[in-house]
Amino acid sequence: MNARILLVEDEKAIQLALSGLLRRQGYEVEVAGTGEDAFGRLDAGAFDLVLTDLALGRGASGMDVLRRAKELRPETVVVMITAHGSERVAVEAMKAGADDYVPKPFDNDEIRLVVHRALERTRLQRENRLLLEQVQRQYGFENLIGTGPAMRGVFETLQKVAETDLTVLVRGESGTGKELVAQALHNRSPRRNRPFVAVNCAAISAELVESELFGHEKGAFTGADARRQGRFEAADGGTIFLDEIGDMAPETQAKVLRVLQERCFERVGGTSPIQVDVRVVAATHRNLEEGVEAGSFRKDLYYRLKVVEIDLPPLRERREDVPALAQRFLEAVTERLGRDKKRIAEAAMARLMRHDWPGNVRELQNALEQAVVLTAGPEIGESDLNLTEKPGVAGDDGADVAGLGFGDAKKRTVERFERSYLLTALRRNRGNISRTAESIGMVRQSLQQKIRELDLRSEDWNKRDS
């Protein structure tokens, strides 16, 4: 164990005895003979544990050392050495932040035990904190990386509706991260300690989808040998995520509508209503409006689902996020596979920025996982990326940036994206600045500033082609 310990003791004999004991245990020990000496060492670097005598003669006391250590680094463990009969002072030290104390006279085993116990306790606290941070990174909004106006709008909507029970419809192409949005909503909601149940409606056969969603009674159909709980029942008190709901059969849509309206259903083959309390988050890559017009999707369910809508843009429309996403995936896959850290060469990053990403964020993640496995050296080069460009894709967006450095290529790509995105939004809102700003999640003044930066003019957004 290579913990760093600062021993603060003014008696030379005790200094030598304790420092020798701790070093034999494998600790790195520095010794300070006065409180002022301890202050200097604390200011100069971090220690895992401070072992200080409460009474240090003249000058600063052990209590002063305790306060300075906790002021500089609250996570530092402080153990006090107290004189016989000074238990009251020891209690005061504990109230001031000391983690433990050892009364004089003490023996070596007692010192070893107290130091080991204090360091073990702080190690567990540190691991728990790191674990919590990992969970928050995995399920928090920060896992949905985005700096452009489209993703900022997504984050703002998530922040507003996460604490509510409103039904949310997430739209976006396959691979854009719709389930991540649903998980983020659940984990920022009051239901976070209850189940999150995800169902891919497109992956379940029409014959089994109702049994999967609502369960079935024994003997309800051939092969139903026992009663089975459905996904809605399993999600009671929590959140159910209905992915690709646009692929759901109309007869099943009717039952889902009933759950949304009445919070109850019957198992397949059952007659007793089952009450559930679930929040529904649905997602689709299909155009539900066209489904409603064609009669393949129920109009009443459509309006029940779209209480709040979140549109996830495809990756090709937010290329400015590619570097941050690539770095996140690179770190995650090297850690998961136990590989040495790797970096992405400038030419490789430029190639990632040019790629059209028909598979969106999921394709980027898969590409980097493959590159980490197949690249021998510490750097991922352009030739290590197994990307297939669609004919003509790189022509408009990437051909003229291929020879630039990564910084210039990224700047050029981002500017083109912003220009195209804002022109589309302005045309959709017929040039109304306030409505455009609201629709893309920007402040009006920020949008006006961006219009000036990109030198956009009213004739640009009044044209249908540019």
Protein backbone atom coordinates (compact mmCIF):
# COMPACT_ATOMS: atom_id res chain seq x y z
CA MET A 1 0.00 0.00 0.00
CA ASN A 2 1.69 3.26 -1.10
CA ALA A 3 -0.34 5.74 0.90
CA ARG A 4 1.44 8.99 1.79
CA ILE A 5 1.42 9.80 5.49
CA LEU A 6 2.48 13.03 7.23
CA LEU A 7 3.62 12.36 10.80
CA VAL A 8 3.52 15.48 12.99
CA GLU A 9 5.35 14.86 16.29
CA ASP A 10 7.71 17.06 18.32
CA GLU A 11 9.31 14.29 20.43
CA LYS A 12 12.28 12.85 18.55
CA ALA A 13 12.04 9.34 20.02
CA ILE A 14 8.36 9.01 19.09
CA GLN A 15 9.14 10.41 15.63
CA LEU A 16 11.72 7.70 15.00
CA ALA A 17 9.57 4.89 16.41
CA LEU A 18 6.38 5.79 14.53
CA SER A 19 8.04 6.66 11.21
CA GLY A 20 9.96 3.37 11.26
CA LEU A 21 6.82 1.41 12.12
CA LEU A 22 4.79 2.99 9.31
CA ARG A 23 7.53 2.61 6.72
CA ARG A 24 7.82 -1.07 7.52
CA GLN A 25 4.12 -1.32 6.69
CA GLY A 26 4.87 0.01 3.19
CA TYR A 27 3.70 3.59 3.70
CA GLU A 28 5.55 6.65 2.38
CA VAL A 29 6.17 8.82 5.45
CA GLU A 30 7.20 12.46 5.85
CA VAL A 31 7.95 13.84 9.31
CA ALA A 32 7.23 17.33 10.65
CA GLY A 33 8.50 18.39 14.09
CA THR A 34 6.25 21.45 14.50
CA GLY A 35 2.83 22.64 13.42
CA GLU A 36 4.39 25.29 11.21
CA ASP A 37 6.56 22.66 9.49
CA ALA A 38 3.40 20.59 8.92
CA PHE A 39 1.67 23.63 7.33
CA GLY A 40 4.46 23.93 4.77
CA ARG A 41 4.34 20.27 3.86
CA LEU A 42 0.55 20.32 3.56
CA ASP A 43 0.74 23.38 1.32
CA ALA A 44 3.34 21.68 -0.88
CA GLY A 45 1.49 18.43 -1.62
CA ALA A 46 -1.32 16.01 -0.83
CA PHE A 47 -1.25 13.31 1.85
CA ASP A 48 -3.62 10.39 2.25
CA LEU A 49 -3.36 10.54 6.04
CA VAL A 50 -2.05 12.97 8.66
CA LEU A 51 -1.06 11.46 12.02
CA THR A 52 -0.51 14.32 14.44
CA ASP A 53 0.07 14.73 18.13
CA LEU A 54 -2.54 16.97 19.68
CA ALA A 55 0.04 18.77 21.87
CA LEU A 56 3.00 20.07 19.89
CA GLY A 57 4.61 22.37 22.46
CA ARG A 58 4.99 25.96 21.39
CA GLY A 59 3.45 27.34 18.23
CA ALA A 60 0.65 25.71 16.22
CA SER A 61 -1.17 22.81 17.86
CA GLY A 62 -2.42 19.51 16.51
CA MET A 63 -5.88 21.08 16.23
CA ASP A 64 -4.38 23.78 13.98
CA VAL A 65 -2.80 21.06 11.81
CA LEU A 66 -6.18 19.31 11.61
CA ARG A 67 -7.94 22.48 10.49
CA ARG A 68 -5.29 23.31 7.87
CA ALA A 69 -5.33 19.76 6.45
CA LYS A 70 -9.13 19.73 6.13
CA GLU A 71 -9.19 23.26 4.74
CA LEU A 72 -6.74 22.41 1.99
CA ARG A 73 -8.12 18.96 1.14
CA PRO A 74 -11.30 17.87 2.94
CA GLU A 75 -10.76 14.24 1.86
CA THR A 76 -7.47 13.97 3.82
CA VAL A 77 -7.71 11.51 6.72
CA VAL A 78 -6.53 12.94 10.05
CA VAL A 79 -5.78 10.78 13.12
CA MET A 80 -4.97 12.51 16.43
CA ILE A 81 -2.55 11.26 19.09
CA THR A 82 -3.85 12.37 22.48
CA ALA A 83 -2.37 12.39 25.97
CA HIS A 84 -3.81 10.21 28.73
CA GLY A 85 -6.93 11.78 30.21
CA SER A 86 -7.58 14.13 27.29
CA GLU A 87 -10.57 12.22 25.87
CA ARG A 88 -12.68 15.38 26.00
CA VAL A 89 -10.23 17.17 23.73
CA ALA A 90 -10.21 14.15 21.43
CA VAL A 91 -13.99 14.40 21.11
CA GLU A 92 -13.62 18.08 20.19
CA ALA A 93 -11.10 17.07 17.53
CA MET A 94 -13.56 14.53 16.10
CA LYS A 95 -16.20 17.26 15.91
CA ALA A 96 -13.69 19.45 14.07
CA GLY A 97 -13.18 16.77 11.42
CA ALA A 98 -10.66 14.27 12.80
CA ASP A 99 -11.33 10.74 11.57
CA ASP A 100 -10.00 8.88 14.62
CA TYR A 101 -7.69 9.25 17.62
CA VAL A 102 -5.15 7.15 19.53
CA PRO A 103 -4.68 7.77 23.27
CA LYS A 104 -1.22 7.58 24.86
CA PRO A 105 0.30 5.25 25.81
CA PHE A 106 -0.26 3.16 22.70
CA ASP A 107 1.31 0.03 21.27
CA ASN A 108 2.42 -0.73 17.72
CA ASP A 109 -0.52 -3.00 16.94
CA GLU A 110 -2.96 -0.26 17.93
CA ILE A 111 -1.27 2.28 15.65
CA ARG A 112 -1.18 -0.19 12.76
CA LEU A 113 -4.87 -0.99 13.19
CA VAL A 114 -6.06 2.61 13.47
CA VAL A 115 -4.05 3.75 10.42
CA HIS A 116 -5.14 0.76 8.32
CA ARG A 117 -8.77 1.20 9.30
CA ALA A 118 -8.77 4.93 8.53
CA LEU A 119 -7.14 4.46 5.13
CA GLU A 120 -9.46 1.58 4.25
CA ARG A 121 -12.48 3.68 5.14
CA THR A 122 -11.40 6.55 2.93
CA ARG A 123 -10.56 4.12 0.10
CA LEU A 124 -14.09 2.74 0.18
CA GLN A 125 -15.54 6.25 0.25
CA ARG A 126 -13.42 7.19 -2.78
CA GLU A 127 -14.51 4.07 -4.69
CA ASN A 128 -18.16 4.74 -3.89
CA ARG A 129 -17.79 8.30 -5.11
CA LEU A 130 -16.16 7.15 -8.35
CA LEU A 131 -18.89 4.56 -8.83
CA LEU A 132 -21.56 7.20 -8.36
CA GLU A 133 -19.81 9.45 -10.88
CA GLN A 134 -19.67 6.56 -13.37
CA VAL A 135 -23.40 5.91 -12.95
CA GLN A 136 -24.15 9.59 -13.42
CA ARG A 137 -21.96 9.71 -16.54
CA GLN A 138 -23.69 6.64 -17.94
CA TYR A 139 -27.25 7.75 -17.33
CA GLY A 140 -27.03 11.48 -16.97
CA PHE A 141 -27.62 14.07 -19.71
CA GLU A 142 -23.85 14.41 -20.03
CA ASN A 143 -23.74 11.03 -21.73
CA LEU A 144 -25.64 12.68 -24.58
CA ILE A 145 -22.79 14.77 -25.92
CA GLY A 146 -23.65 17.82 -27.96
CA THR A 147 -22.59 21.44 -28.29
CA GLY A 148 -24.64 22.62 -31.26
CA PRO A 149 -28.03 24.33 -31.11
CA ALA A 150 -29.99 21.16 -31.93
CA MET A 151 -28.56 19.17 -29.00
CA ARG A 152 -28.75 22.14 -26.67
CA GLY A 153 -32.46 22.22 -27.39
CA VAL A 154 -32.69 18.51 -26.56
CA PHE A 155 -30.91 19.06 -23.23
CA GLU A 156 -33.17 21.96 -22.29
CA THR A 157 -36.29 19.90 -22.99
CA LEU A 158 -34.94 16.96 -21.00
CA GLN A 159 -34.21 19.23 -18.07
CA LYS A 160 -37.74 20.61 -18.11
CA VAL A 161 -39.65 17.33 -18.35
CA ALA A 162 -37.44 14.85 -16.45
CA GLU A 163 -39.04 15.57 -13.07
CA THR A 164 -42.57 15.23 -14.49
CA ASP A 165 -44.67 12.20 -15.42
CA LEU A 166 -45.43 13.49 -18.91
CA THR A 167 -45.39 10.98 -21.77
CA VAL A 168 -42.48 11.66 -24.13
CA LEU A 169 -42.11 10.73 -27.81
CA VAL A 170 -38.48 10.56 -28.99
CA ARG A 171 -37.95 10.79 -32.73
CA GLY A 172 -34.77 10.10 -34.65
CA GLU A 173 -33.01 7.80 -37.05
CA SER A 174 -31.70 4.45 -35.85
CA GLY A 175 -28.51 4.81 -33.85
CA THR A 176 -29.04 8.40 -32.69
CA GLY A 177 -29.35 7.45 -29.00
CA LYS A 178 -33.10 7.32 -28.36
CA GLU A 179 -32.76 4.79 -25.53
CA LEU A 180 -30.11 6.98 -23.88
CA VAL A 181 -32.68 9.78 -23.80
CA ALA A 182 -35.24 7.48 -22.17
CA GLN A 183 -32.69 6.32 -19.58
CA ALA A 184 -31.71 9.91 -18.83
CA LEU A 185 -35.36 10.88 -18.31
CA HIS A 186 -35.87 7.95 -15.95
CA ASN A 187 -32.71 8.54 -13.94
CA ARG A 188 -33.46 12.24 -13.45
CA SER A 189 -37.05 11.54 -12.38
CA PRO A 190 -38.63 10.71 -8.99
CA ARG A 191 -38.96 7.14 -10.37
CA ARG A 192 -35.17 6.66 -10.54
CA ASN A 193 -35.16 3.97 -7.83
CA ARG A 194 -37.89 1.96 -9.57
CA PRO A 195 -37.54 -0.26 -12.68
CA PHE A 196 -36.60 0.97 -16.15
CA VAL A 197 -37.94 -1.53 -18.69
CA ALA A 198 -37.04 -1.26 -22.39
CA VAL A 199 -39.05 -3.03 -25.09
CA ASN A 200 -38.10 -3.11 -28.78
CA CYS A 201 -41.51 -3.40 -30.41
CA ALA A 202 -39.97 -4.16 -33.81
CA ALA A 203 -38.02 -7.15 -32.46
CA ILE A 204 -41.05 -9.03 -31.08
CA SER A 205 -43.29 -11.04 -33.37
CA ALA A 206 -46.89 -9.88 -33.76
CA GLU A 207 -48.09 -13.12 -32.14
CA LEU A 208 -46.07 -12.56 -28.97
CA VAL A 209 -46.02 -8.80 -28.53
CA GLU A 210 -49.17 -8.65 -26.38
CA SER A 211 -47.89 -11.44 -24.14
CA GLU A 212 -44.57 -9.59 -23.79
CA LEU A 213 -46.24 -6.30 -22.92
CA PHE A 214 -49.17 -7.45 -20.79
CA GLY A 215 -48.27 -11.00 -19.72
CA HIS A 216 -50.53 -14.03 -19.99
CA GLU A 217 -52.46 -16.49 -17.87
CA LYS A 218 -51.71 -20.19 -17.77
CA GLY A 219 -53.36 -21.91 -20.74
CA ALA A 220 -54.02 -18.65 -22.61
CA PHE A 221 -52.47 -20.20 -25.74
CA THR A 222 -50.45 -23.21 -26.78
CA GLY A 223 -47.22 -23.22 -24.80
CA ALA A 224 -48.52 -20.97 -22.02
CA ASP A 225 -47.67 -23.44 -19.26
CA ALA A 226 -47.69 -20.89 -16.45
CA ARG A 227 -48.82 -17.36 -15.65
CA ARG A 228 -46.33 -14.78 -16.94
CA GLN A 229 -45.79 -11.19 -15.92
CA GLY A 230 -45.62 -8.67 -18.77
CA ARG A 231 -43.32 -5.70 -19.24
CA PHE A 232 -45.89 -3.13 -18.11
CA GLU A 233 -46.36 -5.03 -14.87
CA ALA A 234 -42.59 -5.32 -14.39
CA ALA A 235 -42.23 -1.55 -14.85
CA ASP A 236 -44.85 -0.70 -12.20
CA GLY A 237 -43.72 2.41 -10.33
CA GLY A 238 -41.00 3.10 -12.90
CA THR A 239 -40.62 3.82 -16.62
CA ILE A 240 -41.34 1.71 -19.69
CA PHE A 241 -39.55 2.56 -22.91
CA LEU A 242 -41.41 1.46 -26.03
CA ASP A 243 -38.80 1.60 -28.79
CA GLU A 244 -39.92 1.55 -32.44
CA ILE A 245 -43.55 1.95 -31.47
CA GLY A 246 -44.29 2.86 -35.08
CA ASP A 247 -43.92 -0.86 -35.90
CA MET A 248 -46.63 -1.93 -33.44
CA ALA A 249 -49.74 -3.66 -34.80
CA PRO A 250 -52.99 -1.61 -34.60
CA GLU A 251 -54.70 -4.11 -32.25
CA THR A 252 -51.82 -3.83 -29.79
CA GLN A 253 -51.87 -0.06 -30.15
CA ALA A 254 -55.41 -0.08 -28.79
CA LYS A 255 -54.30 -1.86 -25.61
CA VAL A 256 -51.37 0.50 -25.10
CA LEU A 257 -53.78 3.41 -25.50
CA ARG A 258 -55.92 1.95 -22.72
CA VAL A 259 -52.93 1.76 -20.39
CA LEU A 260 -52.15 5.40 -21.09
CA GLN A 261 -55.74 6.45 -20.48
CA GLU A 262 -56.83 4.18 -17.63
CA ARG A 263 -53.58 2.82 -16.17
CA CYS A 264 -54.88 -0.74 -16.34
CA PHE A 265 -54.95 -3.81 -18.61
CA GLU A 266 -55.67 -7.54 -18.56
CA ARG A 267 -53.18 -10.28 -19.18
CA VAL A 268 -53.70 -12.33 -22.34
CA GLY A 269 -56.33 -14.90 -21.43
CA GLY A 270 -57.25 -13.02 -18.24
CA THR A 271 -60.33 -11.10 -17.14
CA SER A 272 -59.15 -9.29 -14.01
CA PRO A 273 -57.88 -5.73 -14.60
CA ILE A 274 -54.36 -5.00 -13.36
CA GLN A 275 -53.58 -1.47 -12.23
CA VAL A 276 -50.13 -0.05 -12.99
CA ASP A 277 -48.36 3.25 -12.40
CA VAL A 278 -45.82 3.69 -15.19
CA ARG A 279 -44.34 6.53 -17.14
CA VAL A 280 -44.26 5.86 -20.87
CA VAL A 281 -41.43 7.01 -23.11
CA ALA A 282 -41.87 5.95 -26.74
CA ALA A 283 -39.50 6.22 -29.69
CA THR A 284 -39.64 5.74 -33.43
CA HIS A 285 -37.67 6.39 -36.59
CA ARG A 286 -40.88 6.28 -38.65
CA ASN A 287 -43.09 9.18 -39.72
CA LEU A 288 -46.11 8.63 -37.47
CA GLU A 289 -48.07 11.35 -39.23
CA GLU A 290 -47.88 9.36 -42.44
CA GLY A 291 -48.91 6.27 -40.50
CA VAL A 292 -51.96 8.08 -39.16
CA GLU A 293 -52.89 9.21 -42.68
CA ALA A 294 -52.44 5.67 -44.02
CA GLY A 295 -54.46 4.16 -41.18
CA SER A 296 -51.58 2.02 -39.86
CA PHE A 297 -51.17 4.05 -36.68
CA ARG A 298 -54.01 5.10 -34.39
CA LYS A 299 -54.62 8.84 -34.33
CA ASP A 300 -55.74 8.83 -30.69
CA LEU A 301 -52.59 6.98 -29.59
CA TYR A 302 -50.45 9.35 -31.64
CA TYR A 303 -51.78 12.35 -29.72
CA ARG A 304 -51.45 10.53 -26.40
CA LEU A 305 -47.80 9.83 -27.11
CA LYS A 306 -46.73 13.24 -28.40
CA VAL A 307 -47.40 15.20 -25.20
CA VAL A 308 -43.73 16.15 -25.35
CA GLU A 309 -41.63 15.53 -28.46
CA ILE A 310 -37.85 15.30 -28.60
CA ASP A 311 -36.17 15.22 -32.01
CA LEU A 312 -32.66 13.75 -32.07
CA PRO A 313 -30.67 15.01 -35.06
CA PRO A 314 -28.62 12.53 -37.11
CA LEU A 315 -24.87 12.71 -36.62
CA ARG A 316 -24.28 14.10 -40.11
CA GLU A 317 -26.23 17.21 -39.04
CA ARG A 318 -24.09 17.77 -35.94
CA ARG A 319 -20.57 16.97 -37.12
CA GLU A 320 -19.15 19.43 -34.58
CA ASP A 321 -19.87 16.77 -31.92
CA VAL A 322 -17.83 14.03 -33.64
CA PRO A 323 -14.48 14.80 -31.88
CA ALA A 324 -16.00 14.76 -28.39
CA LEU A 325 -18.03 11.63 -29.11
CA ALA A 326 -15.01 9.89 -30.62
CA GLN A 327 -12.89 10.70 -27.57
CA ARG A 328 -15.59 9.44 -25.19
CA PHE A 329 -15.97 6.16 -27.09
CA LEU A 330 -12.19 5.73 -27.38
CA GLU A 331 -11.72 6.08 -23.62
CA ALA A 332 -14.63 3.76 -22.86
CA VAL A 333 -13.58 0.94 -25.19
CA THR A 334 -9.90 0.95 -24.13
CA GLU A 335 -10.95 0.79 -20.49
CA ARG A 336 -13.52 -1.95 -21.14
CA LEU A 337 -11.11 -4.09 -23.16
CA GLY A 338 -8.15 -3.43 -20.89
CA ARG A 339 -6.12 -1.92 -23.75
CA ASP A 340 -3.46 0.79 -23.56
CA LYS A 341 -4.71 4.30 -24.18
CA LYS A 342 -4.75 5.36 -27.82
CA ARG A 343 -5.03 8.66 -29.61
CA ILE A 344 -6.66 9.58 -32.90
CA ALA A 345 -4.36 11.04 -35.56
CA GLU A 346 -5.35 14.34 -37.16
CA ALA A 347 -5.92 12.72 -40.55
CA ALA A 348 -8.12 10.06 -38.95
CA MET A 349 -10.17 12.69 -37.10
CA ALA A 350 -10.58 14.65 -40.32
CA ARG A 351 -11.88 11.46 -41.96
CA LEU A 352 -14.34 10.95 -39.10
CA MET A 353 -15.54 14.53 -39.58
CA ARG A 354 -16.09 13.95 -43.32
CA HIS A 355 -17.94 10.65 -43.00
CA ASP A 356 -21.70 10.72 -43.55
CA TRP A 357 -22.55 8.34 -40.64
CA PRO A 358 -25.64 6.60 -41.98
CA GLY A 359 -25.59 4.49 -38.78
CA ASN A 360 -25.25 7.64 -36.66
CA VAL A 361 -23.67 7.58 -33.20
CA ARG A 362 -23.86 3.79 -33.00
CA GLU A 363 -21.80 3.50 -36.20
CA LEU A 364 -19.16 5.85 -34.80
CA GLN A 365 -18.95 3.77 -31.62
CA ASN A 366 -18.59 0.54 -33.58
CA ALA A 367 -15.94 2.05 -35.86
CA LEU A 368 -13.79 3.09 -32.90
CA GLU A 369 -14.22 -0.26 -31.14
CA GLN A 370 -12.98 -2.01 -34.27
CA ALA A 371 -10.09 0.42 -34.67
CA VAL A 372 -8.96 -0.09 -31.05
CA VAL A 373 -8.92 -3.87 -31.51
CA LEU A 374 -7.12 -3.86 -34.88
CA THR A 375 -4.64 -0.98 -34.38
CA ALA A 376 -1.28 -2.22 -33.08
CA GLY A 377 0.34 1.09 -32.12
CA PRO A 378 -0.70 3.91 -29.80
CA GLU A 379 -2.22 6.01 -32.60
CA ILE A 380 -5.28 5.31 -34.75
CA GLY A 381 -4.53 6.43 -38.28
CA GLU A 382 -6.84 7.08 -41.21
CA SER A 383 -6.04 3.66 -42.70
CA ASP A 384 -7.14 1.99 -39.44
CA LEU A 385 -10.71 3.20 -39.89
CA ASN A 386 -12.98 0.79 -41.71
CA LEU A 387 -15.36 3.38 -43.17
CA THR A 388 -17.14 3.12 -46.50
CA GLU A 389 -18.13 6.46 -47.98
CA LYS A 390 -21.30 6.59 -50.02
CA PRO A 391 -20.65 7.91 -53.54
CA GLY A 392 -20.66 11.68 -53.56
CA VAL A 393 -20.87 12.08 -49.80
CA ALA A 394 -17.45 13.57 -49.21
CA GLY A 395 -17.66 15.77 -52.27
CA ASP A 396 -19.63 18.69 -50.91
CA ASP A 397 -18.72 18.40 -47.26
CA GLY A 398 -15.23 16.99 -47.24
CA ALA A 399 -13.28 17.11 -50.50
CA ASP A 400 -12.05 20.65 -50.00
CA VAL A 401 -11.06 20.08 -46.35
CA ALA A 402 -9.15 16.84 -46.88
CA GLY A 403 -5.84 18.66 -47.18
CA LEU A 404 -6.38 20.93 -44.20
CA GLY A 405 -5.17 20.35 -40.64
CA PHE A 406 -7.71 18.96 -38.20
CA GLY A 407 -8.44 22.33 -36.58
CA ASP A 408 -9.15 24.07 -39.90
CA ALA A 409 -11.13 21.11 -41.24
CA LYS A 410 -13.26 21.01 -38.11
CA LYS A 411 -13.87 24.78 -38.24
CA ARG A 412 -14.90 24.61 -41.91
CA THR A 413 -17.22 21.66 -41.30
CA VAL A 414 -18.84 23.27 -38.26
CA GLU A 415 -19.43 26.53 -40.12
CA ARG A 416 -21.11 24.67 -42.99
CA PHE A 417 -23.26 22.72 -40.59
CA GLU A 418 -24.32 25.85 -38.68
CA ARG A 419 -25.09 27.72 -41.89
CA SER A 420 -27.19 24.87 -43.31
CA TYR A 421 -28.95 24.24 -40.01
CA LEU A 422 -29.87 27.88 -39.36
CA LEU A 423 -31.01 28.47 -42.94
CA THR A 424 -33.30 25.45 -42.71
CA ALA A 425 -34.73 26.67 -39.39
CA LEU A 426 -35.21 30.22 -40.67
CA ARG A 427 -36.99 28.99 -43.80
CA ARG A 428 -39.22 26.73 -41.72
CA ASN A 429 -40.24 29.73 -39.59
CA ARG A 430 -40.51 32.10 -42.59
CA GLY A 431 -37.64 34.27 -41.35
CA ASN A 432 -39.20 35.03 -37.97
CA ILE A 433 -36.17 35.40 -35.66
CA SER A 434 -38.06 34.89 -32.38
CA ARG A 435 -39.87 31.73 -33.54
CA THR A 436 -36.66 30.35 -35.06
CA ALA A 437 -34.71 30.93 -31.85
CA GLU A 438 -37.40 29.22 -29.78
CA SER A 439 -37.66 26.24 -32.14
CA ILE A 440 -33.93 25.46 -31.98
CA GLY A 441 -33.43 26.27 -28.31
CA MET A 442 -31.40 29.48 -28.70
CA VAL A 443 -31.74 32.91 -27.14
CA ARG A 444 -32.88 35.48 -29.73
CA GLN A 445 -29.79 37.63 -29.21
CA SER A 446 -27.50 34.62 -29.65
CA LEU A 447 -29.22 33.69 -32.90
CA GLN A 448 -28.86 37.24 -34.19
CA GLN A 449 -25.17 37.18 -33.30
CA LYS A 450 -24.69 33.86 -35.09
CA ILE A 451 -26.50 35.20 -38.18
CA ARG A 452 -24.04 38.10 -38.24
CA GLU A 453 -21.03 35.81 -37.74
CA LEU A 454 -22.07 33.60 -40.66
CA ASP A 455 -23.01 36.64 -42.78
CA LEU A 456 -26.51 35.27 -43.41
CA ARG A 457 -28.93 37.62 -45.19
CA SER A 458 -32.69 37.56 -45.54
CA GLU A 459 -32.37 36.72 -49.23
CA ASP A 460 -30.49 33.54 -48.22
CA TRP A 461 -33.37 32.08 -46.25
CA ASN A 462 -35.98 33.35 -48.68
CA LYS A 463 -34.42 31.19 -51.41
CA ARG A 464 -35.68 27.60 -51.60
CA ASP A 465 -32.32 26.35 -52.91
CA SER A 466 -28.86 27.56 -51.98
